[in-house]
């Protein structure tokens, strides 16, 4: 538990990191990354192809594509 960060690594390649600001970063074997921003109550999922999906506390969802376009749902 260094610098307020705790990391768990699983045999299947899944890794989860708990930060001292309550953020959580999960990395999956397929390279998908899910980052939870505790203060903003927002989840950012980054897929291997570069697509980023943000889920906000107000239930808004935004998709950010690699070509720079954004889709708000």
N, C-alpha and C. Protein backbone atom coordinates (compact mmCIF):
# COMPACT_ATOMS: atom_id res chain seq x y z
N UNK A 1 0.86 -1.19 0.00
CA UNK A 1 0.00 0.00 0.00
C UNK A 1 0.89 1.22 0.00
N UNK A 2 1.41 1.55 -1.18
CA UNK A 2 2.32 2.69 -1.29
C UNK A 2 1.59 3.88 -1.90
N UNK A 3 1.84 5.06 -1.36
CA UNK A 3 1.24 6.30 -1.85
C UNK A 3 -0.28 6.24 -1.88
N UNK A 4 -0.88 5.45 -0.98
CA UNK A 4 -2.33 5.37 -0.94
C UNK A 4 -2.92 4.60 -2.10
N UNK A 5 -2.10 3.82 -2.80
CA UNK A 5 -2.58 3.06 -3.94
C UNK A 5 -2.49 1.57 -3.61
N UNK A 6 -3.57 0.85 -3.90
CA UNK A 6 -3.56 -0.59 -3.68
C UNK A 6 -3.89 -1.26 -5.01
N UNK A 7 -3.07 -2.23 -5.38
CA UNK A 7 -3.22 -2.91 -6.68
C UNK A 7 -3.46 -4.39 -6.45
N UNK A 8 -4.42 -4.94 -7.19
CA UNK A 8 -4.66 -6.38 -7.18
C UNK A 8 -4.47 -6.88 -8.61
N UNK A 9 -3.66 -7.90 -8.77
CA UNK A 9 -3.45 -8.50 -10.09
C UNK A 9 -3.91 -9.94 -10.02
N UNK A 10 -4.75 -10.32 -10.97
CA UNK A 10 -5.32 -11.66 -10.98
C UNK A 10 -4.66 -12.49 -12.08
N UNK A 11 -4.65 -13.82 -11.92
CA UNK A 11 -3.98 -14.69 -12.90
C UNK A 11 -4.52 -14.56 -14.32
N UNK A 12 -5.79 -14.18 -14.46
CA UNK A 12 -6.38 -14.10 -15.80
C UNK A 12 -6.02 -12.80 -16.52
N UNK A 13 -5.19 -11.96 -15.90
CA UNK A 13 -4.77 -10.72 -16.53
C UNK A 13 -5.55 -9.51 -16.09
N UNK A 14 -6.57 -9.72 -15.26
CA UNK A 14 -7.38 -8.62 -14.74
C UNK A 14 -6.62 -7.93 -13.62
N UNK A 15 -6.59 -6.59 -13.68
CA UNK A 15 -5.91 -5.79 -12.67
C UNK A 15 -6.86 -4.71 -12.19
N UNK A 16 -6.86 -4.48 -10.89
CA UNK A 16 -7.66 -3.38 -10.34
C UNK A 16 -6.77 -2.56 -9.42
N UNK A 17 -6.88 -1.24 -9.56
CA UNK A 17 -6.07 -0.33 -8.75
C UNK A 17 -7.03 0.59 -8.00
N UNK A 18 -6.85 0.67 -6.69
CA UNK A 18 -7.63 1.56 -5.84
C UNK A 18 -6.76 2.76 -5.47
N UNK A 19 -7.20 3.96 -5.81
CA UNK A 19 -6.42 5.16 -5.52
C UNK A 19 -6.89 5.80 -4.23
N UNK A 20 -6.03 6.63 -3.63
CA UNK A 20 -6.36 7.25 -2.35
C UNK A 20 -7.47 8.28 -2.46
N UNK A 21 -7.82 8.72 -3.68
CA UNK A 21 -8.93 9.65 -3.85
C UNK A 21 -10.23 8.91 -4.15
N UNK A 22 -10.21 7.58 -3.95
CA UNK A 22 -11.35 6.68 -4.15
C UNK A 22 -11.62 6.36 -5.62
N UNK A 23 -10.78 6.85 -6.54
CA UNK A 23 -10.90 6.43 -7.93
C UNK A 23 -10.51 4.95 -8.02
N UNK A 24 -11.06 4.28 -9.04
CA UNK A 24 -10.76 2.87 -9.25
C UNK A 24 -10.48 2.65 -10.74
N UNK A 25 -9.37 1.96 -11.03
CA UNK A 25 -9.03 1.64 -12.41
C UNK A 25 -8.98 0.13 -12.57
N UNK A 26 -9.78 -0.38 -13.50
CA UNK A 26 -9.79 -1.80 -13.79
C UNK A 26 -9.27 -2.03 -15.20
N UNK A 27 -8.34 -2.95 -15.34
CA UNK A 27 -7.82 -3.31 -16.65
C UNK A 27 -8.11 -4.78 -16.87
N UNK A 28 -8.72 -5.08 -18.01
CA UNK A 28 -9.12 -6.45 -18.31
C UNK A 28 -8.12 -7.09 -19.26
N UNK A 29 -8.17 -8.41 -19.35
CA UNK A 29 -7.24 -9.16 -20.18
C UNK A 29 -7.33 -8.74 -21.65
N UNK A 30 -8.52 -8.30 -22.08
CA UNK A 30 -8.68 -7.88 -23.48
C UNK A 30 -8.25 -6.43 -23.71
N UNK A 31 -7.62 -5.82 -22.69
CA UNK A 31 -7.08 -4.46 -22.71
C UNK A 31 -8.14 -3.39 -22.54
N UNK A 32 -9.39 -3.78 -22.29
CA UNK A 32 -10.41 -2.78 -21.96
C UNK A 32 -10.06 -2.19 -20.60
N UNK A 33 -10.21 -0.87 -20.48
CA UNK A 33 -9.91 -0.18 -19.22
C UNK A 33 -11.17 0.53 -18.75
N UNK A 34 -11.53 0.31 -17.49
CA UNK A 34 -12.67 1.00 -16.88
C UNK A 34 -12.12 1.83 -15.72
N UNK A 35 -12.34 3.15 -15.80
CA UNK A 35 -11.84 4.06 -14.77
C UNK A 35 -13.04 4.76 -14.14
N UNK A 36 -13.14 4.65 -12.83
CA UNK A 36 -14.23 5.31 -12.10
C UNK A 36 -13.68 6.53 -11.39
N UNK A 37 -14.23 7.70 -11.72
CA UNK A 37 -13.85 8.96 -11.07
C UNK A 37 -14.82 9.17 -9.91
N UNK A 38 -14.35 8.95 -8.69
CA UNK A 38 -15.22 8.97 -7.53
C UNK A 38 -15.86 10.34 -7.30
N UNK A 39 -15.08 11.41 -7.38
CA UNK A 39 -15.61 12.75 -7.10
C UNK A 39 -16.73 13.11 -8.07
N UNK A 40 -16.55 12.77 -9.33
CA UNK A 40 -17.54 13.12 -10.36
C UNK A 40 -18.61 12.04 -10.53
N UNK A 41 -18.42 10.90 -9.85
CA UNK A 41 -19.32 9.76 -10.02
C UNK A 41 -19.49 9.42 -11.50
N UNK A 42 -18.36 9.39 -12.21
CA UNK A 42 -18.34 9.17 -13.65
C UNK A 42 -17.46 7.96 -13.96
N UNK A 43 -17.93 7.14 -14.90
CA UNK A 43 -17.15 5.98 -15.33
C UNK A 43 -16.72 6.19 -16.78
N UNK A 44 -15.44 5.98 -17.02
CA UNK A 44 -14.88 6.06 -18.38
C UNK A 44 -14.41 4.67 -18.76
N UNK A 45 -14.96 4.14 -19.85
CA UNK A 45 -14.53 2.85 -20.37
C UNK A 45 -13.80 3.10 -21.68
N UNK A 46 -12.56 2.60 -21.76
CA UNK A 46 -11.77 2.73 -22.97
C UNK A 46 -11.59 1.33 -23.55
N UNK A 47 -12.03 1.17 -24.79
CA UNK A 47 -11.96 -0.12 -25.46
C UNK A 47 -10.68 -0.23 -26.25
N UNK A 48 -10.26 -1.47 -26.57
CA UNK A 48 -8.99 -1.66 -27.30
C UNK A 48 -8.93 -0.91 -28.63
N UNK A 49 -10.08 -0.68 -29.26
CA UNK A 49 -10.08 0.03 -30.55
C UNK A 49 -10.03 1.54 -30.38
N UNK A 50 -9.99 2.02 -29.12
CA UNK A 50 -9.86 3.45 -28.87
C UNK A 50 -11.16 4.15 -28.51
N UNK A 51 -12.30 3.48 -28.71
CA UNK A 51 -13.58 4.07 -28.33
C UNK A 51 -13.60 4.33 -26.82
N UNK A 52 -14.08 5.52 -26.44
CA UNK A 52 -14.24 5.84 -25.02
C UNK A 52 -15.71 6.11 -24.75
N UNK A 53 -16.23 5.49 -23.69
CA UNK A 53 -17.61 5.69 -23.29
C UNK A 53 -17.62 6.24 -21.87
N UNK A 54 -18.29 7.38 -21.71
CA UNK A 54 -18.40 8.02 -20.40
C UNK A 54 -19.83 7.85 -19.90
N UNK A 55 -19.97 7.43 -18.66
CA UNK A 55 -21.29 7.33 -18.04
C UNK A 55 -21.28 8.26 -16.83
N UNK A 56 -22.18 9.24 -16.85
CA UNK A 56 -22.21 10.27 -15.82
C UNK A 56 -23.28 9.95 -14.78
N UNK A 57 -23.18 10.59 -13.63
CA UNK A 57 -24.10 10.33 -12.53
C UNK A 57 -25.54 10.71 -12.88
N UNK A 58 -25.73 11.62 -13.85
CA UNK A 58 -27.08 12.01 -14.26
C UNK A 58 -27.63 11.07 -15.33
N UNK A 59 -26.97 9.94 -15.52
CA UNK A 59 -27.34 8.89 -16.48
C UNK A 59 -27.04 9.25 -17.93
N UNK A 60 -26.42 10.40 -18.16
CA UNK A 60 -26.01 10.74 -19.52
C UNK A 60 -24.86 9.82 -19.93
N UNK A 61 -24.87 9.42 -21.19
CA UNK A 61 -23.80 8.60 -21.74
C UNK A 61 -23.23 9.32 -22.96
N UNK A 62 -21.91 9.40 -23.02
CA UNK A 62 -21.24 9.98 -24.18
C UNK A 62 -20.30 8.95 -24.75
N UNK A 63 -20.30 8.84 -26.08
CA UNK A 63 -19.33 7.99 -26.77
C UNK A 63 -18.38 8.91 -27.51
N UNK A 64 -17.09 8.74 -27.29
CA UNK A 64 -16.06 9.51 -27.97
C UNK A 64 -15.32 8.56 -28.91
N UNK A 65 -15.45 8.81 -30.20
CA UNK A 65 -14.85 7.92 -31.20
C UNK A 65 -13.45 8.39 -31.54
N UNK A 66 -12.66 7.48 -32.10
CA UNK A 66 -11.26 7.80 -32.39
C UNK A 66 -11.13 8.86 -33.47
N UNK A 67 -12.17 9.07 -34.29
CA UNK A 67 -12.08 10.10 -35.33
C UNK A 67 -12.44 11.49 -34.79
N UNK A 68 -12.71 11.57 -33.48
CA UNK A 68 -13.00 12.85 -32.85
C UNK A 68 -14.47 13.13 -32.72
N UNK A 69 -15.33 12.33 -33.32
CA UNK A 69 -16.76 12.56 -33.19
C UNK A 69 -17.25 12.09 -31.83
N UNK A 70 -18.34 12.71 -31.39
CA UNK A 70 -18.94 12.38 -30.11
C UNK A 70 -20.42 12.13 -30.29
N UNK A 71 -20.92 11.18 -29.55
CA UNK A 71 -22.34 10.85 -29.58
C UNK A 71 -22.84 10.95 -28.14
N UNK A 72 -23.86 11.78 -27.93
CA UNK A 72 -24.42 11.97 -26.60
C UNK A 72 -25.77 11.29 -26.56
N UNK A 73 -25.95 10.45 -25.58
CA UNK A 73 -27.18 9.66 -25.51
C UNK A 73 -28.02 10.08 -24.32
